[in-house]
Protein backbone atom coordinates (compact mmCIF):
# COMPACT_ATOMS: atom_id res chain seq x y z
CA MET A 1 -120.07 18.01 41.65
CA THR A 2 -121.70 16.63 38.45
CA ALA A 3 -119.36 16.23 35.61
CA GLN A 4 -120.28 18.00 32.44
CA PRO A 5 -121.04 15.83 29.38
CA ARG A 6 -118.21 15.70 26.83
CA ASP A 7 -120.77 15.67 23.91
CA LYS A 8 -122.65 19.00 24.17
CA ARG A 9 -124.26 18.97 20.77
CA MET A 10 -127.79 20.34 20.81
CA SER A 11 -130.48 21.48 18.31
CA ILE A 12 -131.55 25.01 18.09
CA ASP A 13 -134.90 24.26 19.69
CA GLU A 14 -133.14 22.49 22.50
CA VAL A 15 -131.17 25.67 23.41
CA VAL A 16 -134.24 27.88 23.34
CA ALA A 17 -136.12 25.46 25.61
CA GLU A 18 -133.45 26.19 28.24
CA LEU A 19 -134.23 29.96 28.22
CA GLU A 20 -136.94 31.49 30.40
CA ASP A 21 -139.06 34.65 30.51
CA GLY A 22 -137.24 37.48 32.13
CA MET A 23 -133.68 36.29 31.66
CA ALA A 24 -130.63 38.47 30.84
CA ILE A 25 -129.46 37.37 27.68
CA GLY A 26 -126.08 38.47 26.13
CA ILE A 27 -125.70 38.24 22.47
CA GLY A 28 -122.28 38.16 20.91
CA GLY A 29 -120.98 39.54 17.59
CA TRP A 30 -120.68 43.08 16.79
CA GLY A 31 -123.34 45.05 14.98
CA PRO A 32 -123.71 43.26 11.64
CA ARG A 33 -120.83 40.77 12.28
CA ARG A 34 -120.96 37.22 13.35
CA LYS A 35 -124.20 37.42 15.31
CA PRO A 36 -125.89 34.07 16.32
CA MET A 37 -128.90 34.84 14.14
CA ALA A 38 -130.26 31.26 13.95
CA LEU A 39 -130.64 31.26 17.74
CA VAL A 40 -132.09 34.85 17.57
CA ARG A 41 -134.61 33.64 15.09
CA ALA A 42 -135.66 30.69 17.35
CA ILE A 43 -136.25 33.13 20.24
CA LEU A 44 -138.62 34.99 17.84
CA ARG A 45 -140.45 31.76 17.11
CA SER A 46 -140.82 31.10 20.94
CA ASP A 47 -143.18 32.49 23.56
CA LEU A 48 -140.22 33.98 25.54
CA LYS A 49 -140.90 37.53 26.79
CA ASP A 50 -139.70 40.15 29.09
CA LEU A 51 -136.07 39.60 28.16
CA THR A 52 -132.96 41.76 29.14
CA ILE A 53 -130.90 41.83 26.08
CA VAL A 54 -127.16 42.87 26.35
CA SER A 55 -125.50 43.50 23.12
CA TRP A 56 -123.30 45.50 20.73
CA GLY A 57 -126.56 45.42 18.69
CA GLY A 58 -127.44 44.73 15.10
CA ALA A 59 -130.41 42.94 13.74
CA ASP A 60 -130.64 40.89 16.79
CA VAL A 61 -131.74 43.72 18.80
CA GLY A 62 -133.98 45.07 15.93
CA LEU A 63 -135.77 41.78 15.48
CA LEU A 64 -136.39 41.08 19.11
CA ALA A 65 -137.50 44.69 19.73
CA ARG A 66 -139.91 44.55 16.76
CA ALA A 67 -141.32 41.35 18.19
CA GLY A 68 -141.84 42.91 21.54
CA LYS A 69 -139.57 40.53 23.37
CA ILE A 70 -137.36 43.11 25.10
CA ARG A 71 -138.29 44.56 28.58
CA LYS A 72 -134.62 46.01 29.12
CA LEU A 73 -131.95 46.77 26.57
CA VAL A 74 -128.39 47.34 27.45
CA TYR A 75 -126.31 48.45 24.60
CA ALA A 76 -123.35 50.49 23.37
CA PHE A 77 -124.79 51.08 19.74
CA VAL A 78 -127.28 49.39 17.38
CA SER A 79 -126.19 49.46 13.88
CA LEU A 80 -126.02 47.60 10.51
CA ASP A 81 -123.03 49.64 9.22
CA THR A 82 -124.30 50.45 5.74
CA VAL A 83 -127.55 51.18 7.53
CA PRO A 84 -126.37 53.38 10.31
CA LEU A 85 -129.36 53.11 12.60
CA GLU A 86 -131.04 49.58 12.78
CA PRO A 87 -134.51 50.44 11.51
CA ASN A 88 -136.50 48.23 13.73
CA PHE A 89 -134.49 49.45 16.79
CA GLN A 90 -135.10 53.01 15.54
CA ARG A 91 -138.91 52.38 15.43
CA ALA A 92 -139.04 50.87 18.83
CA ARG A 93 -137.13 53.77 20.46
CA GLN A 94 -139.27 56.41 18.78
CA ALA A 95 -142.41 54.52 19.77
CA GLY A 96 -141.11 53.91 23.23
CA THR A 97 -141.95 50.10 23.14
CA ILE A 98 -138.84 49.02 25.04
CA PRO A 99 -139.61 49.83 28.59
CA GLU A 100 -136.09 50.20 29.87
CA VAL A 101 -132.85 51.16 27.97
CA VAL A 102 -129.37 51.61 29.25
CA GLU A 103 -127.03 53.19 26.58
CA LEU A 104 -123.28 52.85 27.55
CA ASP A 105 -120.03 54.05 26.30
CA GLU A 106 -118.42 51.22 24.35
CA GLY A 107 -115.58 50.99 27.10
CA MET A 108 -118.00 50.94 29.77
CA PHE A 109 -119.88 48.14 28.06
CA GLN A 110 -116.64 46.16 27.79
CA THR A 111 -115.72 46.91 31.42
CA GLY A 112 -119.17 45.78 32.55
CA LEU A 113 -118.67 42.47 30.88
CA TYR A 114 -115.10 42.17 32.49
CA ALA A 115 -116.61 42.84 35.98
CA ALA A 116 -119.22 40.13 35.38
CA ALA A 117 -116.59 37.71 34.05
CA GLN A 118 -114.54 38.29 37.18
CA ARG A 119 -117.74 37.93 39.32
CA LEU A 120 -117.13 41.44 40.80
CA PRO A 121 -120.01 43.91 41.38
CA PHE A 122 -118.27 46.72 39.45
CA LEU A 123 -114.96 47.88 37.91
CA PRO A 124 -113.64 51.53 38.04
CA MET A 125 -112.71 53.29 34.83
CA ARG A 126 -112.47 56.94 33.61
CA ALA A 127 -114.68 56.50 30.50
CA GLY A 128 -118.10 58.03 31.08
CA LEU A 129 -116.92 60.87 33.37
CA GLY A 130 -118.51 64.27 32.30
CA SER A 131 -120.80 62.60 29.71
CA ASP A 132 -124.44 62.17 29.39
CA VAL A 133 -124.11 58.49 30.31
CA LEU A 134 -124.11 59.40 33.98
CA VAL A 135 -126.98 62.01 33.33
CA ASN A 136 -129.15 59.52 31.57
CA ASN A 137 -128.26 56.62 34.07
CA PRO A 138 -128.07 58.47 37.54
CA TRP A 139 -128.03 55.05 39.17
CA ILE A 140 -124.52 54.55 37.91
CA LYS A 141 -122.30 55.70 40.70
CA THR A 142 -118.79 57.16 40.95
CA VAL A 143 -116.02 56.10 43.44
CA THR A 144 -112.90 57.89 44.76
CA SER A 145 -109.61 55.96 44.63
CA PRO A 146 -108.25 54.87 48.04
CA TYR A 147 -104.74 55.68 46.58
CA ALA A 148 -103.27 58.93 45.92
CA ASP A 149 -101.18 59.56 42.66
CA ASP A 150 -97.82 61.10 42.63
CA ASP A 151 -99.33 64.49 43.07
CA GLY A 152 -101.35 63.43 46.23
CA ASP A 153 -104.65 63.53 44.28
CA PHE A 154 -107.33 60.88 44.69
CA GLY A 155 -109.06 60.22 41.42
CA GLU A 156 -112.66 59.79 40.76
CA PHE A 157 -113.91 56.84 38.63
CA VAL A 158 -117.00 55.60 37.13
CA ALA A 159 -118.04 52.40 39.06
CA VAL A 160 -119.08 50.51 36.04
CA PRO A 161 -121.78 47.74 37.19
CA ALA A 162 -121.27 44.22 36.20
CA LEU A 163 -123.39 43.11 33.25
CA ASP A 164 -124.45 39.89 34.80
CA LEU A 165 -125.87 37.47 32.36
CA ASP A 166 -128.02 34.54 32.72
CA VAL A 167 -127.26 33.21 29.27
CA ALA A 168 -124.75 34.14 26.52
CA LEU A 169 -125.35 33.25 22.86
CA VAL A 170 -122.38 33.49 20.39
CA HIS A 171 -121.61 32.35 17.00
CA LEU A 172 -118.15 31.09 15.86
CA ASN A 173 -116.70 29.50 12.56
CA ARG A 174 -115.78 26.21 14.05
CA ALA A 175 -116.38 24.19 17.22
CA ASP A 176 -115.91 20.53 18.45
CA GLN A 177 -118.64 18.65 20.17
CA HIS A 178 -117.18 19.49 23.55
CA GLY A 179 -117.55 23.29 23.21
CA ASN A 180 -113.98 24.33 22.28
CA ALA A 181 -114.53 27.00 19.47
CA THR A 182 -112.44 29.14 17.08
CA TYR A 183 -112.91 32.12 15.02
CA LEU A 184 -111.36 32.50 11.53
CA GLY A 185 -112.13 36.07 10.80
CA PRO A 186 -110.30 39.25 11.90
CA ASP A 187 -111.88 39.75 15.31
CA PRO A 188 -113.08 37.81 18.36
CA TYR A 189 -115.75 40.58 19.02
CA PHE A 190 -115.50 40.01 22.85
CA ASP A 191 -117.53 36.67 22.51
CA ASP A 192 -115.35 35.11 25.13
CA LEU A 193 -116.22 37.86 27.60
CA PHE A 194 -120.04 37.26 26.90
CA VAL A 195 -119.55 33.62 27.67
CA GLN A 196 -117.51 34.30 30.84
CA ALA A 197 -119.97 36.77 32.10
CA ALA A 198 -122.84 34.22 31.78
CA LYS A 199 -124.22 31.50 34.11
CA LYS A 200 -124.82 29.51 31.02
CA ALA A 201 -123.43 29.76 27.43
CA TYR A 202 -124.50 28.33 24.18
CA LEU A 203 -122.67 28.61 20.98
CA SER A 204 -123.63 28.02 17.39
CA CYS A 205 -121.09 27.53 14.75
CA GLU A 206 -120.81 27.00 10.97
CA ARG A 207 -119.38 23.62 11.39
CA ILE A 208 -118.50 21.12 14.19
CA VAL A 209 -115.19 19.37 13.51
CA ASP A 210 -112.86 17.06 15.35
CA THR A 211 -110.93 18.76 18.09
CA ALA A 212 -107.64 18.39 16.18
CA GLY A 213 -109.23 20.24 13.27
CA LEU A 214 -109.62 23.28 15.33
CA THR A 215 -106.07 24.19 14.89
CA VAL A 216 -105.52 23.04 11.11
CA ASP A 217 -104.09 26.07 9.34
CA THR A 218 -105.41 28.33 12.27
CA PRO A 219 -103.18 29.90 14.85
CA VAL A 220 -103.74 28.43 18.36
CA GLN A 221 -104.55 31.92 19.67
CA ARG A 222 -107.75 31.89 17.76
CA LEU A 223 -109.02 29.17 19.91
CA LEU A 224 -111.43 31.66 21.64
CA ILE A 225 -113.81 29.60 23.60
CA SER A 226 -113.02 26.73 26.02
CA ARG A 227 -115.32 23.81 26.53
CA MET A 228 -115.26 24.67 30.36
CA MET A 229 -117.32 27.82 29.45
CA VAL A 230 -119.97 26.13 27.38
CA ASP A 231 -123.14 24.34 28.04
CA GLY A 232 -124.30 23.63 24.48
CA VAL A 233 -122.97 23.70 20.79
CA VAL A 234 -125.28 23.81 17.78
CA GLU A 235 -124.15 23.35 14.18
CA THR A 236 -125.94 25.85 12.12
CA PRO A 237 -124.46 26.39 8.71
CA ASN A 238 -125.16 30.02 7.54
CA GLY A 239 -126.42 30.63 10.96
CA ALA A 240 -125.21 34.23 11.14
CA HIS A 241 -126.99 35.30 8.13
CA PHE A 242 -127.69 38.02 7.22
CA THR A 243 -124.71 39.26 9.33
CA ASN A 244 -121.30 38.17 8.22
CA CYS A 245 -119.12 35.14 9.37
CA VAL A 246 -115.81 35.85 7.67
CA PRO A 247 -114.25 34.04 6.01
CA ASP A 248 -117.10 31.68 5.48
CA TYR A 249 -119.32 34.46 4.00
CA GLU A 250 -119.67 38.22 3.94
CA ARG A 251 -122.72 40.15 5.09
CA ASP A 252 -125.73 39.75 2.75
CA GLU A 253 -126.03 43.40 1.56
CA ALA A 254 -128.94 42.85 -0.77
CA PHE A 255 -130.92 41.02 2.03
CA GLN A 256 -130.05 43.68 4.47
CA LYS A 257 -131.27 46.28 2.19
CA ALA A 258 -134.57 44.51 1.81
CA TYR A 259 -134.75 43.92 5.54
CA ALA A 260 -134.31 47.72 6.10
CA ALA A 261 -136.98 48.66 3.46
CA ALA A 262 -139.41 46.27 4.92
CA ALA A 263 -138.94 47.69 8.44
CA SER A 264 -140.23 51.11 7.35
CA ASP A 265 -143.67 49.91 6.47
CA ASP A 266 -146.04 47.67 8.40
CA GLU A 267 -147.58 45.96 5.20
CA GLN A 268 -144.04 45.38 3.85
CA TRP A 269 -142.91 43.99 7.22
CA THR A 270 -145.75 41.58 7.37
CA ALA A 271 -144.91 40.32 3.98
CA PHE A 272 -141.12 40.11 4.97
CA GLU A 273 -142.17 37.99 8.05
CA GLN A 274 -144.52 35.68 6.25
CA ARG A 275 -141.68 34.88 3.65
CA PHE A 276 -138.71 34.66 5.94
CA LEU A 277 -139.74 34.29 9.45
CA SER A 278 -142.79 32.34 9.63
CA GLY A 279 -141.04 28.89 9.60
CA ASP A 280 -138.21 27.12 11.14
CA GLU A 281 -134.49 27.64 10.44
CA ALA A 282 -134.64 25.28 7.44
CA ALA A 283 -137.49 27.23 6.05
CA TYR A 284 -135.65 30.53 6.50
CA GLN A 285 -132.51 29.31 4.81
CA ALA A 286 -134.54 28.01 1.90
CA ALA A 287 -136.20 31.30 1.51
CA VAL A 288 -132.86 33.00 1.61
CA ALA A 289 -131.48 30.80 -1.10
CA GLU A 290 -134.49 31.74 -3.13
CA PHE A 291 -133.95 35.43 -2.47
CA GLN A 292 -130.26 35.16 -3.39
CA GLU A 293 -130.93 33.34 -6.70
CA ALA A 294 -133.47 35.91 -7.63
CA ASN A 295 -131.02 38.73 -6.81
CA ALA A 296 -127.80 37.17 -8.24
């Protein structure tokens, strides 16, 4: 068995170079919260296509859908919070440009990640029974418990299929060069499940620090990701923009408003792409700084 390198630092482009057409990619975060947007933008710049995207979706799904990168989308919701339905996702769904969609109950989505993390083909749960999730996804089966309850009844359960991932992409506040990472905000957003469910995992972070610095003024239980789960670490300050990365920064509501407005019109979207998405990550951050200064 080949030992993993202790220093796992990579560039954004080096991570994307590891990805291939047709891969199942899980994207961490939650809607407009702590998404690995710098890595998503790098996928936009690449020639990657026919991707299966698994996400509690936000602008990550919207941007990749608008760019025609998604062949299959597995999601529990796609929202920007203050914009209830992500506009580029809405456009893609109404136009039918995502060939295959699987919409799951949020509990089913989490259970699918648990199953993949445990290398199981499925896990049983009650969520989804009697709902249109099973009507719209008839390939999802139910199973009968082999054990009777106290009344002698054998329960029926949804056999939630594992959400097996080729790659997971997540963004956290701090990491060390080995792949240990911590979140500083209020919620882990199941990023550890995405990483465990994947064959390979790459994390971006606001700042790479010494390992000892991961627990300075931070509860040890917030060490969410272990180096044993991680194949690459990218330092990307402001890399979750325009989603939040609390406490480093809040969601950029002014930018999100501009994004949503541009998504509603082809001409405006072309101008938005040219201004913010036509260059590399450094060009994006420079354009965002100009936008923020103009809207201060």
